[in-house]
Every structure is written in C-alpha cells, then in structure tokens.
Amino acid sequence: AGIWLVPAAQRSDDATQVAQWDEAFHCALVAAAGNAEMARVHRDVTDRIRIIRRLDFTKQPRIDATYDEHAKILKAIRAHRGDQAAMLLRAHIETSQAEVRKITLHQVHVARHTGRR
C-alpha cells in the first residue's frame, strides 16, 4: 500500500512495474473483502485482461493519475470512509477503462492509416 503514498519524486515511471503494482493493489482490495470466490473470479478476469490493462500505463500522465487515485482510495480506507473509498474506486476504474478505450481506438486509427500509405 505504501507504494502509492510516496512523494511524486519517488514514484516509479517504469510502466511494467507500475502495472504489476496496480494489479496487486486491485487484487488486495478484492481479497480484503474476504470473499474467496469473488477473489478467484477477480484473479481469473485479471489474467484475461492483463494485456489490455497495461495499455493504461503507456502514458506518463496515466501513471501519475494512478498514483494519485490509489492514494486517495487508500486514505479513504484508512479513515474508515468506505462509501468514499467505493466511490473513488469506481471513478478510478471508469477513468482507466475510458483511457484504455481511447488508446485502443487511437492505435486502430493509426494502424488503418499506416496501412493505406
């Protein structure tokens, strides 16, 4: 958890490392709920979408945003503000999904136009 609470100057910009930490963060949150079946399903889904999720870390602003978003979620959990943590987590996941969608569409666009030349 402390990974996400470091000062900006100490943050990693290694996309592969951040993606691994991100995955571990989300798995730990699900595991903390105490539902073994939910944790198993989450791990299965995570395994299937790993390559797609990693697209989120191809741009430095998303790495920075992930640090900020995870820190806010952790602070809400530590302050026993479950509703706020849940809201922040939903927003974090939705933002990540939207960014991955934009990156994917951009890559498809570039591939189509590169192929026409």
PDB file of N, CA and C in Angstrom:
ATOM      1  N   ALA A   1       0.821  -1.201   0.000  1.00  0.00           N
ATOM      2  CA  ALA A   1       0.000   0.000   0.000  1.00  0.00           C
ATOM      3  C   ALA A   1       0.861   1.260   0.000  1.00  0.00           C
ATOM      4  N   GLY A   2       1.988   1.197   0.691  1.00  0.00           N
ATOM      5  CA  GLY A   2       2.855   2.358   0.783  1.00  0.00           C
ATOM      6  C   GLY A   2       3.411   2.821  -0.549  1.00  0.00           C
ATOM      7  N   ILE A   3       3.435   1.923  -1.526  1.00  0.00           N
ATOM      8  CA  ILE A   3       3.922   2.264  -2.872  1.00  0.00           C
ATOM      9  C   ILE A   3       3.185   3.483  -3.408  1.00  0.00           C
ATOM     10  N   TRP A   4       1.893   3.542  -3.149  1.00  0.00           N
ATOM     11  CA  TRP A   4       1.033   4.570  -3.743  1.00  0.00           C
ATOM     12  C   TRP A   4       1.045   5.877  -2.959  1.00  0.00           C
ATOM     13  N   LEU A   5       1.690   5.881  -1.801  1.00  0.00           N
ATOM     14  CA  LEU A   5       1.674   7.063  -0.944  1.00  0.00           C
ATOM     15  C   LEU A   5       3.005   7.806  -0.922  1.00  0.00           C
ATOM     16  N   VAL A   6       3.925   7.416  -1.793  1.00  0.00           N
ATOM     17  CA  VAL A   6       5.237   8.069  -1.821  1.00  0.00           C
ATOM     18  C   VAL A   6       5.126   9.452  -2.469  1.00  0.00           C
ATOM     19  N   PRO A   7       6.053  10.355  -2.130  1.00  0.00           N
ATOM     20  CA  PRO A   7       6.069  11.661  -2.801  1.00  0.00           C
ATOM     21  C   PRO A   7       6.288  11.492  -4.304  1.00  0.00           C
ATOM     22  N   ALA A   8       5.828  12.453  -5.070  1.00  0.00           N
ATOM     23  CA  ALA A   8       5.907  12.386  -6.534  1.00  0.00           C
ATOM     24  C   ALA A   8       7.327  12.106  -7.027  1.00  0.00           C
ATOM     25  N   ALA A   9       8.317  12.671  -6.376  1.00  0.00           N
ATOM     26  CA  ALA A   9       9.709  12.487  -6.808  1.00  0.00           C
ATOM     27  C   ALA A   9      10.189  11.046  -6.649  1.00  0.00           C
ATOM     28  N   GLN A  10       9.508  10.270  -5.817  1.00  0.00           N
ATOM     29  CA  GLN A  10       9.917   8.883  -5.568  1.00  0.00           C
ATOM     30  C   GLN A  10       9.079   7.868  -6.347  1.00  0.00           C
ATOM     31  N   ARG A  11       8.161   8.339  -7.158  1.00  0.00           N
ATOM     32  CA  ARG A  11       7.296   7.441  -7.917  1.00  0.00           C
ATOM     33  C   ARG A  11       8.066   6.781  -9.051  1.00  0.00           C
ATOM     34  N   SER A  12       7.701   5.548  -9.330  1.00  0.00           N
ATOM     35  CA  SER A  12       8.298   4.833 -10.455  1.00  0.00           C
ATOM     36  C   SER A  12       7.645   5.293 -11.749  1.00  0.00           C
ATOM     37  N   ASP A  13       8.438   5.366 -12.807  1.00  0.00           N
ATOM     38  CA  ASP A  13       7.871   5.641 -14.128  1.00  0.00           C
ATOM     39  C   ASP A  13       8.032   4.414 -15.027  1.00  0.00           C
ATOM     40  N   ASP A  14       8.370   3.291 -14.409  1.00  0.00           N
ATOM     41  CA  ASP A  14       8.504   2.015 -15.117  1.00  0.00           C
ATOM     42  C   ASP A  14       7.103   1.434 -15.311  1.00  0.00           C
ATOM     43  N   ALA A  15       6.601   1.520 -16.535  1.00  0.00           N
ATOM     44  CA  ALA A  15       5.221   1.120 -16.827  1.00  0.00           C
ATOM     45  C   ALA A  15       4.943  -0.332 -16.451  1.00  0.00           C
ATOM     46  N   THR A  16       5.894  -1.216 -16.695  1.00  0.00           N
ATOM     47  CA  THR A  16       5.697  -2.632 -16.363  1.00  0.00           C
ATOM     48  C   THR A  16       5.577  -2.818 -14.861  1.00  0.00           C
ATOM     49  N   GLN A  17       6.447  -2.156 -14.113  1.00  0.00           N
ATOM     50  CA  GLN A  17       6.409  -2.262 -12.654  1.00  0.00           C
ATOM     51  C   GLN A  17       5.115  -1.678 -12.100  1.00  0.00           C
ATOM     52  N   VAL A  18       4.729  -0.515 -12.581  1.00  0.00           N
ATOM     53  CA  VAL A  18       3.504   0.128 -12.100  1.00  0.00           C
ATOM     54  C   VAL A  18       2.290  -0.742 -12.421  1.00  0.00           C
ATOM     55  N   ALA A  19       2.278  -1.357 -13.590  1.00  0.00           N
ATOM     56  CA  ALA A  19       1.167  -2.246 -13.957  1.00  0.00           C
ATOM     57  C   ALA A  19       1.085  -3.431 -12.996  1.00  0.00           C
ATOM     58  N   GLN A  20       2.225  -3.980 -12.622  1.00  0.00           N
ATOM     59  CA  GLN A  20       2.237  -5.095 -11.666  1.00  0.00           C
ATOM     60  C   GLN A  20       1.737  -4.641 -10.303  1.00  0.00           C
ATOM     61  N   TRP A  21       2.189  -3.474  -9.860  1.00  0.00           N
ATOM     62  CA  TRP A  21       1.724  -2.946  -8.578  1.00  0.00           C
ATOM     63  C   TRP A  21       0.228  -2.648  -8.618  1.00  0.00           C
ATOM     64  N   ASP A  22      -0.224  -2.117  -9.745  1.00  0.00           N
ATOM     65  CA  ASP A  22      -1.645  -1.808  -9.909  1.00  0.00           C
ATOM     66  C   ASP A  22      -2.476  -3.079  -9.791  1.00  0.00           C
ATOM     67  N   GLU A  23      -2.044  -4.115 -10.468  1.00  0.00           N
ATOM     68  CA  GLU A  23      -2.759  -5.385 -10.415  1.00  0.00           C
ATOM     69  C   GLU A  23      -2.795  -5.914  -8.977  1.00  0.00           C
ATOM     70  N   ALA A  24      -1.664  -5.865  -8.295  1.00  0.00           N
ATOM     71  CA  ALA A  24      -1.595  -6.332  -6.907  1.00  0.00           C
ATOM     72  C   ALA A  24      -2.498  -5.496  -6.000  1.00  0.00           C
ATOM     73  N   PHE A  25      -2.551  -4.189  -6.242  1.00  0.00           N
ATOM     74  CA  PHE A  25      -3.412  -3.290  -5.463  1.00  0.00           C
ATOM     75  C   PHE A  25      -4.868  -3.716  -5.580  1.00  0.00           C
ATOM     76  N   HIS A  26      -5.321  -3.925  -6.807  1.00  0.00           N
ATOM     77  CA  HIS A  26      -6.717  -4.297  -7.020  1.00  0.00           C
ATOM     78  C   HIS A  26      -7.012  -5.684  -6.456  1.00  0.00           C
ATOM     79  N   CYS A  27      -6.087  -6.621  -6.605  1.00  0.00           N
ATOM     80  CA  CYS A  27      -6.279  -7.957  -6.038  1.00  0.00           C
ATOM     81  C   CYS A  27      -6.350  -7.896  -4.510  1.00  0.00           C
ATOM     82  N   ALA A  28      -5.521  -7.059  -3.904  1.00  0.00           N
ATOM     83  CA  ALA A  28      -5.538  -6.919  -2.446  1.00  0.00           C
ATOM     84  C   ALA A  28      -6.856  -6.322  -1.963  1.00  0.00           C
ATOM     85  N   LEU A  29      -7.393  -5.358  -2.699  1.00  0.00           N
ATOM     86  CA  LEU A  29      -8.685  -4.780  -2.319  1.00  0.00           C
ATOM     87  C   LEU A  29      -9.782  -5.831  -2.364  1.00  0.00           C
ATOM     88  N   VAL A  30      -9.790  -6.629  -3.423  1.00  0.00           N
ATOM     89  CA  VAL A  30     -10.808  -7.678  -3.541  1.00  0.00           C
ATOM     90  C   VAL A  30     -10.612  -8.720  -2.442  1.00  0.00           C
ATOM     91  N   ALA A  31      -9.379  -9.126  -2.194  1.00  0.00           N
ATOM     92  CA  ALA A  31      -9.102 -10.120  -1.153  1.00  0.00           C
ATOM     93  C   ALA A  31      -9.517  -9.615   0.226  1.00  0.00           C
ATOM     94  N   ALA A  32      -9.357  -8.315   0.456  1.00  0.00           N
ATOM     95  CA  ALA A  32      -9.718  -7.735   1.753  1.00  0.00           C
ATOM     96  C   ALA A  32     -11.209  -7.844   2.041  1.00  0.00           C
ATOM     97  N   ALA A  33     -12.007  -8.008   0.998  1.00  0.00           N
ATOM     98  CA  ALA A  33     -13.452  -8.171   1.195  1.00  0.00           C
ATOM     99  C   ALA A  33     -13.769  -9.508   1.855  1.00  0.00           C
ATOM    100  N   GLY A  34     -12.830 -10.455   1.788  1.00  0.00           N
ATOM    101  CA  GLY A  34     -13.000 -11.718   2.484  1.00  0.00           C
ATOM    102  C   GLY A  34     -13.841 -12.760   1.767  1.00  0.00           C
ATOM    103  N   ASN A  35     -14.134 -12.532   0.502  1.00  0.00           N
ATOM    104  CA  ASN A  35     -14.940 -13.480  -0.266  1.00  0.00           C
ATOM    105  C   ASN A  35     -14.005 -14.231  -1.215  1.00  0.00           C
ATOM    106  N   ALA A  36     -13.692 -15.480  -0.868  1.00  0.00           N
ATOM    107  CA  ALA A  36     -12.716 -16.257  -1.637  1.00  0.00           C
ATOM    108  C   ALA A  36     -13.164 -16.473  -3.077  1.00  0.00           C
ATOM    109  N   GLU A  37     -14.451 -16.709  -3.291  1.00  0.00           N
ATOM    110  CA  GLU A  37     -14.945 -16.932  -4.649  1.00  0.00           C
ATOM    111  C   GLU A  37     -14.817 -15.658  -5.481  1.00  0.00           C
ATOM    112  N   MET A  38     -15.158 -14.521  -4.893  1.00  0.00           N
ATOM    113  CA  MET A  38     -15.017 -13.253  -5.604  1.00  0.00           C
ATOM    114  C   MET A  38     -13.543 -13.003  -5.944  1.00  0.00           C
ATOM    115  N   ALA A  39     -12.647 -13.306  -5.018  1.00  0.00           N
ATOM    116  CA  ALA A  39     -11.213 -13.123  -5.266  1.00  0.00           C
ATOM    117  C   ALA A  39     -10.747 -14.035  -6.402  1.00  0.00           C
ATOM    118  N   ARG A  40     -11.247 -15.270  -6.441  1.00  0.00           N
ATOM    119  CA  ARG A  40     -10.875 -16.203  -7.508  1.00  0.00           C
ATOM    120  C   ARG A  40     -11.350 -15.689  -8.861  1.00  0.00           C
ATOM    121  N   VAL A  41     -12.604 -15.236  -8.923  1.00  0.00           N
ATOM    122  CA  VAL A  41     -13.154 -14.711 -10.176  1.00  0.00           C
ATOM    123  C   VAL A  41     -12.366 -13.475 -10.615  1.00  0.00           C
ATOM    124  N   HIS A  42     -12.046 -12.609  -9.658  1.00  0.00           N
ATOM    125  CA  HIS A  42     -11.271 -11.408  -9.975  1.00  0.00           C
ATOM    126  C   HIS A  42      -9.908 -11.774 -10.552  1.00  0.00           C
ATOM    127  N   ARG A  43      -9.240 -12.759  -9.952  1.00  0.00           N
ATOM    128  CA  ARG A  43      -7.934 -13.198 -10.472  1.00  0.00           C
ATOM    129  C   ARG A  43      -8.067 -13.740 -11.894  1.00  0.00           C
ATOM    130  N   ASP A  44      -9.128 -14.516 -12.139  1.00  0.00           N
ATOM    131  CA  ASP A  44      -9.353 -15.057 -13.490  1.00  0.00           C
ATOM    132  C   ASP A  44      -9.551 -13.935 -14.506  1.00  0.00           C
ATOM    133  N   VAL A  45     -10.376 -12.965 -14.153  1.00  0.00           N
ATOM    134  CA  VAL A  45     -10.626 -11.832 -15.054  1.00  0.00           C
ATOM    135  C   VAL A  45      -9.338 -11.038 -15.255  1.00  0.00           C
ATOM    136  N   THR A  46      -8.610 -10.816 -14.179  1.00  0.00           N
ATOM    137  CA  THR A  46      -7.346 -10.078 -14.254  1.00  0.00           C
ATOM    138  C   THR A  46      -6.371 -10.768 -15.207  1.00  0.00           C
ATOM    139  N   ASP A  47      -6.290 -12.085 -15.119  1.00  0.00           N
ATOM    140  CA  ASP A  47      -5.409 -12.834 -16.027  1.00  0.00           C
ATOM    141  C   ASP A  47      -5.812 -12.632 -17.480  1.00  0.00           C
ATOM    142  N   ARG A  48      -7.109 -12.561 -17.729  1.00  0.00           N
ATOM    143  CA  ARG A  48      -7.602 -12.443 -19.104  1.00  0.00           C
ATOM    144  C   ARG A  48      -7.426 -11.045 -19.690  1.00  0.00           C
ATOM    145  N   ILE A  49      -7.486 -10.034 -18.847  1.00  0.00           N
ATOM    146  CA  ILE A  49      -7.436  -8.659 -19.369  1.00  0.00           C
ATOM    147  C   ILE A  49      -6.101  -7.966 -19.118  1.00  0.00           C
ATOM    148  N   ARG A  50      -5.131  -8.686 -18.612  1.00  0.00           N
ATOM    149  CA  ARG A  50      -3.840  -8.084 -18.232  1.00  0.00           C
ATOM    150  C   ARG A  50      -3.230  -7.253 -19.363  1.00  0.00           C
ATOM    151  N   ILE A  51      -3.176  -7.796 -20.553  1.00  0.00           N
ATOM    152  CA  ILE A  51      -2.534  -7.085 -21.671  1.00  0.00           C
ATOM    153  C   ILE A  51      -3.261  -5.784 -21.983  1.00  0.00           C
ATOM    154  N   ILE A  52      -4.578  -5.800 -21.865  1.00  0.00           N
ATOM    155  CA  ILE A  52      -5.377  -4.602 -22.126  1.00  0.00           C
ATOM    156  C   ILE A  52      -5.170  -3.578 -21.017  1.00  0.00           C
ATOM    157  N   ARG A  53      -5.187  -4.028 -19.762  1.00  0.00           N
ATOM    158  CA  ARG A  53      -4.999  -3.109 -18.632  1.00  0.00           C
ATOM    159  C   ARG A  53      -3.662  -2.393 -18.710  1.00  0.00           C
ATOM    160  N   ARG A  54      -2.662  -3.080 -19.221  1.00  0.00           N
ATOM    161  CA  ARG A  54      -1.323  -2.476 -19.266  1.00  0.00           C
ATOM    162  C   ARG A  54      -1.232  -1.320 -20.248  1.00  0.00           C
ATOM    163  N   LEU A  55      -2.173  -1.245 -21.160  1.00  0.00           N
ATOM    164  CA  LEU A  55      -2.209  -0.088 -22.064  1.00  0.00           C
ATOM    165  C   LEU A  55      -2.361   1.212 -21.273  1.00  0.00           C
ATOM    166  N   ASP A  56      -3.015   1.115 -20.111  1.00  0.00           N
ATOM    167  CA  ASP A  56      -3.264   2.296 -19.286  1.00  0.00           C
ATOM    168  C   ASP A  56      -1.970   2.951 -18.809  1.00  0.00           C
ATOM    169  N   PHE A  57      -0.876   2.206 -18.848  1.00  0.00           N
ATOM    170  CA  PHE A  57       0.385   2.727 -18.321  1.00  0.00           C
ATOM    171  C   PHE A  57       1.383   3.066 -19.421  1.00  0.00           C
ATOM    172  N   THR A  58       0.889   3.252 -20.633  1.00  0.00           N
ATOM    173  CA  THR A  58       1.770   3.621 -21.740  1.00  0.00           C
ATOM    174  C   THR A  58       2.007   5.124 -21.802  1.00  0.00           C
ATOM    175  N   LYS A  59       1.265   5.883 -21.025  1.00  0.00           N
ATOM    176  CA  LYS A  59       1.411   7.343 -20.985  1.00  0.00           C
ATOM    177  C   LYS A  59       1.698   7.773 -19.544  1.00  0.00           C
ATOM    178  N   GLN A  60       2.718   8.607 -19.371  1.00  0.00           N
ATOM    179  CA  GLN A  60       3.105   9.051 -18.032  1.00  0.00           C
ATOM    180  C   GLN A  60       1.966   9.719 -17.257  1.00  0.00           C
ATOM    181  N   PRO A  61       1.126  10.534 -17.893  1.00  0.00           N
ATOM    182  CA  PRO A  61       0.032  11.141 -17.123  1.00  0.00           C
ATOM    183  C   PRO A  61      -0.893  10.105 -16.471  1.00  0.00           C
ATOM    184  N   ARG A  62      -1.078   8.952 -17.109  1.00  0.00           N
ATOM    185  CA  ARG A  62      -1.921   7.910 -16.508  1.00  0.00           C
ATOM    186  C   ARG A  62      -1.199   7.235 -15.348  1.00  0.00           C
ATOM    187  N   ILE A  63       0.119   7.101 -15.438  1.00  0.00           N
ATOM    188  CA  ILE A  63       0.870   6.556 -14.304  1.00  0.00           C
ATOM    189  C   ILE A  63       0.721   7.503 -13.121  1.00  0.00           C
ATOM    190  N   ASP A  64       0.896   8.799 -13.372  1.00  0.00           N
ATOM    191  CA  ASP A  64       0.749   9.797 -12.306  1.00  0.00           C
ATOM    192  C   ASP A  64      -0.658   9.771 -11.718  1.00  0.00           C
ATOM    193  N   ALA A  65      -1.654   9.693 -12.586  1.00  0.00           N
ATOM    194  CA  ALA A  65      -3.046   9.667 -12.125  1.00  0.00           C
ATOM    195  C   ALA A  65      -3.321   8.420 -11.296  1.00  0.00           C
ATOM    196  N   THR A  66      -2.737   7.299 -11.683  1.00  0.00           N
ATOM    197  CA  THR A  66      -2.941   6.059 -10.928  1.00  0.00           C
ATOM    198  C   THR A  66      -2.386   6.194  -9.520  1.00  0.00           C
ATOM    199  N   TYR A  67      -1.198   6.777  -9.394  1.00  0.00           N
ATOM    200  CA  TYR A  67      -0.653   7.027  -8.058  1.00  0.00           C
ATOM    201  C   TYR A  67      -1.622   7.889  -7.245  1.00  0.00           C
ATOM    202  N   ASP A  68      -2.087   8.979  -7.831  1.00  0.00           N
ATOM    203  CA  ASP A  68      -2.982   9.894  -7.117  1.00  0.00           C
ATOM    204  C   ASP A  68      -4.292   9.217  -6.738  1.00  0.00           C
ATOM    205  N   GLU A  69      -4.872   8.479  -7.678  1.00  0.00           N
ATOM    206  CA  GLU A  69      -6.159   7.824  -7.438  1.00  0.00           C
ATOM    207  C   GLU A  69      -6.029   6.731  -6.379  1.00  0.00           C
ATOM    208  N   HIS A  70      -4.979   5.923  -6.461  1.00  0.00           N
ATOM    209  CA  HIS A  70      -4.780   4.873  -5.463  1.00  0.00           C
ATOM    210  C   HIS A  70      -4.541   5.481  -4.084  1.00  0.00           C
ATOM    211  N   ALA A  71      -3.770   6.560  -4.019  1.00  0.00           N
ATOM    212  CA  ALA A  71      -3.510   7.211  -2.728  1.00  0.00           C
ATOM    213  C   ALA A  71      -4.810   7.697  -2.098  1.00  0.00           C
ATOM    214  N   LYS A  72      -5.684   8.291  -2.896  1.00  0.00           N
ATOM    215  CA  LYS A  72      -6.968   8.770  -2.365  1.00  0.00           C
ATOM    216  C   LYS A  72      -7.820   7.612  -1.860  1.00  0.00           C
ATOM    217  N   ILE A  73      -7.828   6.509  -2.597  1.00  0.00           N
ATOM    218  CA  ILE A  73      -8.592   5.326  -2.180  1.00  0.00           C
ATOM    219  C   ILE A  73      -8.047   4.802  -0.852  1.00  0.00           C
ATOM    220  N   LEU A  74      -6.733   4.666  -0.763  1.00  0.00           N
ATOM    221  CA  LEU A  74      -6.115   4.169   0.469  1.00  0.00           C
ATOM    222  C   LEU A  74      -6.392   5.084   1.654  1.00  0.00           C
ATOM    223  N   LYS A  75      -6.299   6.380   1.439  1.00  0.00           N
ATOM    224  CA  LYS A  75      -6.560   7.324   2.533  1.00  0.00           C
ATOM    225  C   LYS A  75      -8.003   7.220   3.013  1.00  0.00           C
ATOM    226  N   ALA A  76      -8.942   7.039   2.094  1.00  0.00           N
ATOM    227  CA  ALA A  76     -10.349   6.879   2.481  1.00  0.00           C
ATOM    228  C   ALA A  76     -10.540   5.587   3.276  1.00  0.00           C
ATOM    229  N   ILE A  77      -9.890   4.511   2.851  1.00  0.00           N
ATOM    230  CA  ILE A  77      -9.996   3.236   3.575  1.00  0.00           C
ATOM    231  C   ILE A  77      -9.413   3.379   4.969  1.00  0.00           C
ATOM    232  N   ARG A  78      -8.239   3.980   5.066  1.00  0.00           N
ATOM    233  CA  ARG A  78      -7.582   4.146   6.370  1.00  0.00           C
ATOM    234  C   ARG A  78      -8.393   5.032   7.313  1.00  0.00           C
ATOM    235  N   ALA A  79      -9.180   5.941   6.737  1.00  0.00           N
ATOM    236  CA  ALA A  79     -10.027   6.825   7.551  1.00  0.00           C
ATOM    237  C   ALA A  79     -11.403   6.201   7.805  1.00  0.00           C
ATOM    238  N   HIS A  80     -11.571   4.940   7.407  1.00  0.00           N
ATOM    239  CA  HIS A  80     -12.838   4.209   7.592  1.00  0.00           C
ATOM    240  C   HIS A  80     -14.003   4.886   6.884  1.00  0.00           C
ATOM    241  N   ARG A  81     -13.714   5.471   5.725  1.00  0.00           N
ATOM    242  CA  ARG A  81     -14.762   6.095   4.907  1.00  0.00           C
ATOM    243  C   ARG A  81     -15.027   5.176   3.711  1.00  0.00           C
ATOM    244  N   GLY A  82     -15.725   4.084   3.991  1.00  0.00           N
ATOM    245  CA  GLY A  82     -15.975   3.057   2.985  1.00  0.00           C
ATOM    246  C   GLY A  82     -16.739   3.556   1.775  1.00  0.00           C
ATOM    247  N   ASP A  83     -17.764   4.376   2.016  1.00  0.00           N
ATOM    248  CA  ASP A  83     -18.551   4.889   0.889  1.00  0.00           C
ATOM    249  C   ASP A  83     -17.686   5.746  -0.037  1.00  0.00           C
ATOM    250  N   GLN A  84     -16.848   6.587   0.563  1.00  0.00           N
ATOM    251  CA  GLN A  84     -15.967   7.425  -0.243  1.00  0.00           C
ATOM    252  C   GLN A  84     -14.947   6.564  -0.994  1.00  0.00           C
ATOM    253  N   ALA A  85     -14.393   5.556  -0.325  1.00  0.00           N
ATOM    254  CA  ALA A  85     -13.425   4.666  -0.980  1.00  0.00           C
ATOM    255  C   ALA A  85     -14.070   3.956  -2.162  1.00  0.00           C
ATOM    256  N   ALA A  86     -15.299   3.483  -1.979  1.00  0.00           N
ATOM    257  CA  ALA A  86     -16.004   2.787  -3.066  1.00  0.00           C
ATOM    258  C   ALA A  86     -16.259   3.727  -4.240  1.00  0.00           C
ATOM    259  N   MET A  87     -16.662   4.955  -3.941  1.00  0.00           N
ATOM    260  CA  MET A  87     -16.910   5.945  -4.995  1.00  0.00           C
ATOM    261  C   MET A  87     -15.617   6.267  -5.747  1.00  0.00           C
ATOM    262  N   LEU A  88     -14.529   6.444  -5.010  1.00  0.00           N
ATOM    263  CA  LEU A  88     -13.237   6.734  -5.631  1.00  0.00           C
ATOM    264  C   LEU A  88     -12.754   5.557  -6.477  1.00  0.00           C
ATOM    265  N   LEU A  89     -12.975   4.346  -5.990  1.00  0.00           N
ATOM    266  CA  LEU A  89     -12.566   3.157  -6.741  1.00  0.00           C
ATOM    267  C   LEU A  89     -13.358   3.035  -8.037  1.00  0.00           C
ATOM    268  N   ARG A  90     -14.666   3.267  -7.959  1.00  0.00           N
ATOM    269  CA  ARG A  90     -15.486   3.222  -9.182  1.00  0.00           C
ATOM    270  C   ARG A  90     -14.998   4.256 -10.190  1.00  0.00           C
ATOM    271  N   ALA A  91     -14.753   5.469  -9.722  1.00  0.00           N
ATOM    272  CA  ALA A  91     -14.283   6.536 -10.619  1.00  0.00           C
ATOM    273  C   ALA A  91     -12.929   6.165 -11.225  1.00  0.00           C
ATOM    274  N   HIS A  92     -12.053   5.601 -10.416  1.00  0.00           N
ATOM    275  CA  HIS A  92     -10.726   5.179 -10.880  1.00  0.00           C
ATOM    276  C   HIS A  92     -10.844   4.136 -11.988  1.00  0.00           C
ATOM    277  N   ILE A  93     -11.672   3.139 -11.773  1.00  0.00           N
ATOM    278  CA  ILE A  93     -11.840   2.071 -12.771  1.00  0.00           C
ATOM    279  C   ILE A  93     -12.469   2.626 -14.046  1.00  0.00           C
ATOM    280  N   GLU A  94     -13.476   3.481 -13.896  1.00  0.00           N
ATOM    281  CA  GLU A  94     -14.127   4.067 -15.075  1.00  0.00           C
ATOM    282  C   GLU A  94     -13.157   4.935 -15.875  1.00  0.00           C
ATOM    283  N   THR A  95     -12.342   5.711 -15.183  1.00  0.00           N
ATOM    284  CA  THR A  95     -11.349   6.551 -15.863  1.00  0.00           C
ATOM    285  C   THR A  95     -10.340   5.682 -16.605  1.00  0.00           C
ATOM    286  N   SER A  96      -9.873   4.646 -15.946  1.00  0.00           N
ATOM    287  CA  SER A  96      -8.914   3.736 -16.565  1.00  0.00           C
ATOM    288  C   SER A  96      -9.508   3.074 -17.801  1.00  0.00           C
ATOM    289  N   GLN A  97     -10.745   2.613 -17.694  1.00  0.00           N
ATOM    290  CA  GLN A  97     -11.405   1.989 -18.848  1.00  0.00           C
ATOM    291  C   GLN A  97     -11.521   2.971 -20.009  1.00  0.00           C
ATOM    292  N   ALA A  98     -11.894   4.199 -19.709  1.00  0.00           N
ATOM    293  CA  ALA A  98     -12.038   5.212 -20.759  1.00  0.00           C
ATOM    294  C   ALA A  98     -10.693   5.505 -21.420  1.00  0.00           C
ATOM    295  N   GLU A  99      -9.639   5.590 -20.627  1.00  0.00           N
ATOM    296  CA  GLU A  99      -8.311   5.855 -21.183  1.00  0.00           C
ATOM    297  C   GLU A  99      -7.836   4.705 -22.063  1.00  0.00           C
ATOM    298  N   VAL A 100      -8.046   3.480 -21.607  1.00  0.00           N
ATOM    299  CA  VAL A 100      -7.652   2.313 -22.407  1.00  0.00           C
ATOM    300  C   VAL A 100      -8.441   2.289 -23.711  1.00  0.00           C
ATOM    301  N   ARG A 101      -9.712   2.629 -23.642  1.00  0.00           N
ATOM    302  CA  ARG A 101     -10.545   2.681 -24.848  1.00  0.00           C
ATOM    303  C   ARG A 101      -9.987   3.714 -25.828  1.00  0.00           C
ATOM    304  N   LYS A 102      -9.627   4.909 -25.327  1.00  0.00           N
ATOM    305  CA  LYS A 102      -9.067   5.954 -26.193  1.00  0.00           C
ATOM    306  C   LYS A 102      -7.751   5.505 -26.822  1.00  0.00           C
ATOM    307  N   ILE A 103      -6.889   4.892 -26.026  1.00  0.00           N
ATOM    308  CA  ILE A 103      -5.602   4.423 -26.536  1.00  0.00           C
ATOM    309  C   ILE A 103      -5.818   3.368 -27.613  1.00  0.00           C
ATOM    310  N   THR A 104      -6.735   2.443 -27.354  1.00  0.00           N
ATOM    311  CA  THR A 104      -7.016   1.370 -28.315  1.00  0.00           C
ATOM    312  C   THR A 104      -7.559   1.935 -29.617  1.00  0.00           C
ATOM    313  N   LEU A 105      -8.515   2.841 -29.525  1.00  0.00           N
ATOM    314  CA  LEU A 105      -9.084   3.443 -30.731  1.00  0.00           C
ATOM    315  C   LEU A 105      -8.031   4.226 -31.508  1.00  0.00           C
ATOM    316  N   HIS A 106      -7.164   4.923 -30.798  1.00  0.00           N
ATOM    317  CA  HIS A 106      -6.087   5.664 -31.450  1.00  0.00           C
ATOM    318  C   HIS A 106      -5.147   4.706 -32.190  1.00  0.00           C
ATOM    319  N   GLN A 107      -4.796   3.606 -31.545  1.00  0.00           N
ATOM    320  CA  GLN A 107      -3.896   2.646 -32.183  1.00  0.00           C
ATOM    321  C   GLN A 107      -4.537   2.016 -33.414  1.00  0.00           C
ATOM    322  N   VAL A 108      -5.831   1.740 -33.348  1.00  0.00           N
ATOM    323  CA  VAL A 108      -6.544   1.200 -34.512  1.00  0.00           C
ATOM    324  C   VAL A 108      -6.535   2.232 -35.638  1.00  0.00           C
ATOM    325  N   HIS A 109      -6.798   3.489 -35.289  1.00  0.00           N
ATOM    326  CA  HIS A 109      -6.795   4.570 -36.278  1.00  0.00           C
ATOM    327  C   HIS A 109      -5.425   4.686 -36.955  1.00  0.00           C
ATOM    328  N   VAL A 110      -4.375   4.693 -36.153  1.00  0.00           N
ATOM    329  CA  VAL A 110      -3.015   4.792 -36.691  1.00  0.00           C
ATOM    330  C   VAL A 110      -2.710   3.592 -37.590  1.00  0.00           C
ATOM    331  N   ALA A 111      -3.089   2.412 -37.157  1.00  0.00           N
ATOM    332  CA  ALA A 111      -2.829   1.204 -37.953  1.00  0.00           C
ATOM    333  C   ALA A 111      -3.557   1.260 -39.297  1.00  0.00           C
ATOM    334  N   ARG A 112      -4.788   1.740 -39.279  1.00  0.00           N
ATOM    335  CA  ARG A 112      -5.554   1.835 -40.528  1.00  0.00           C
ATOM    336  C   ARG A 112      -4.912   2.819 -41.495  1.00  0.00           C
ATOM    337  N   HIS A 113      -4.501   3.968 -40.985  1.00  0.00           N
ATOM    338  CA  HIS A 113      -3.922   4.997 -41.850  1.00  0.00           C
ATOM    339  C   HIS A 113      -2.506   4.649 -42.288  1.00  0.00           C
ATOM    340  N   THR A 114      -1.782   3.929 -41.482  1.00  0.00           N
ATOM    341  CA  THR A 114      -0.442   3.489 -41.862  1.00  0.00           C
ATOM    342  C   THR A 114      -0.540   2.459 -42.982  1.00  0.00           C
ATOM    343  N   GLY A 115      -1.546   1.616 -42.920  1.00  0.00           N
ATOM    344  CA  GLY A 115      -1.734   0.581 -43.928  1.00  0.00           C
ATOM    345  C   GLY A 115      -2.172   1.110 -45.278  1.00  0.00           C
ATOM    346  N   ARG A 116      -2.687   2.318 -45.330  1.00  0.00           N
ATOM    347  CA  ARG A 116      -3.182   2.910 -46.582  1.00  0.00           C
ATOM    348  C   ARG A 116      -2.090   3.595 -47.382  1.00  0.00           C
ATOM    349  N   ARG A 117      -0.958   3.788 -46.795  1.00  0.00           N
ATOM    350  CA  ARG A 117       0.113   4.528 -47.477  1.00  0.00           C
ATOM    351  C   ARG A 117       0.851   3.690 -48.448  1.00  0.00           C
TER     352      ARG A 117
END
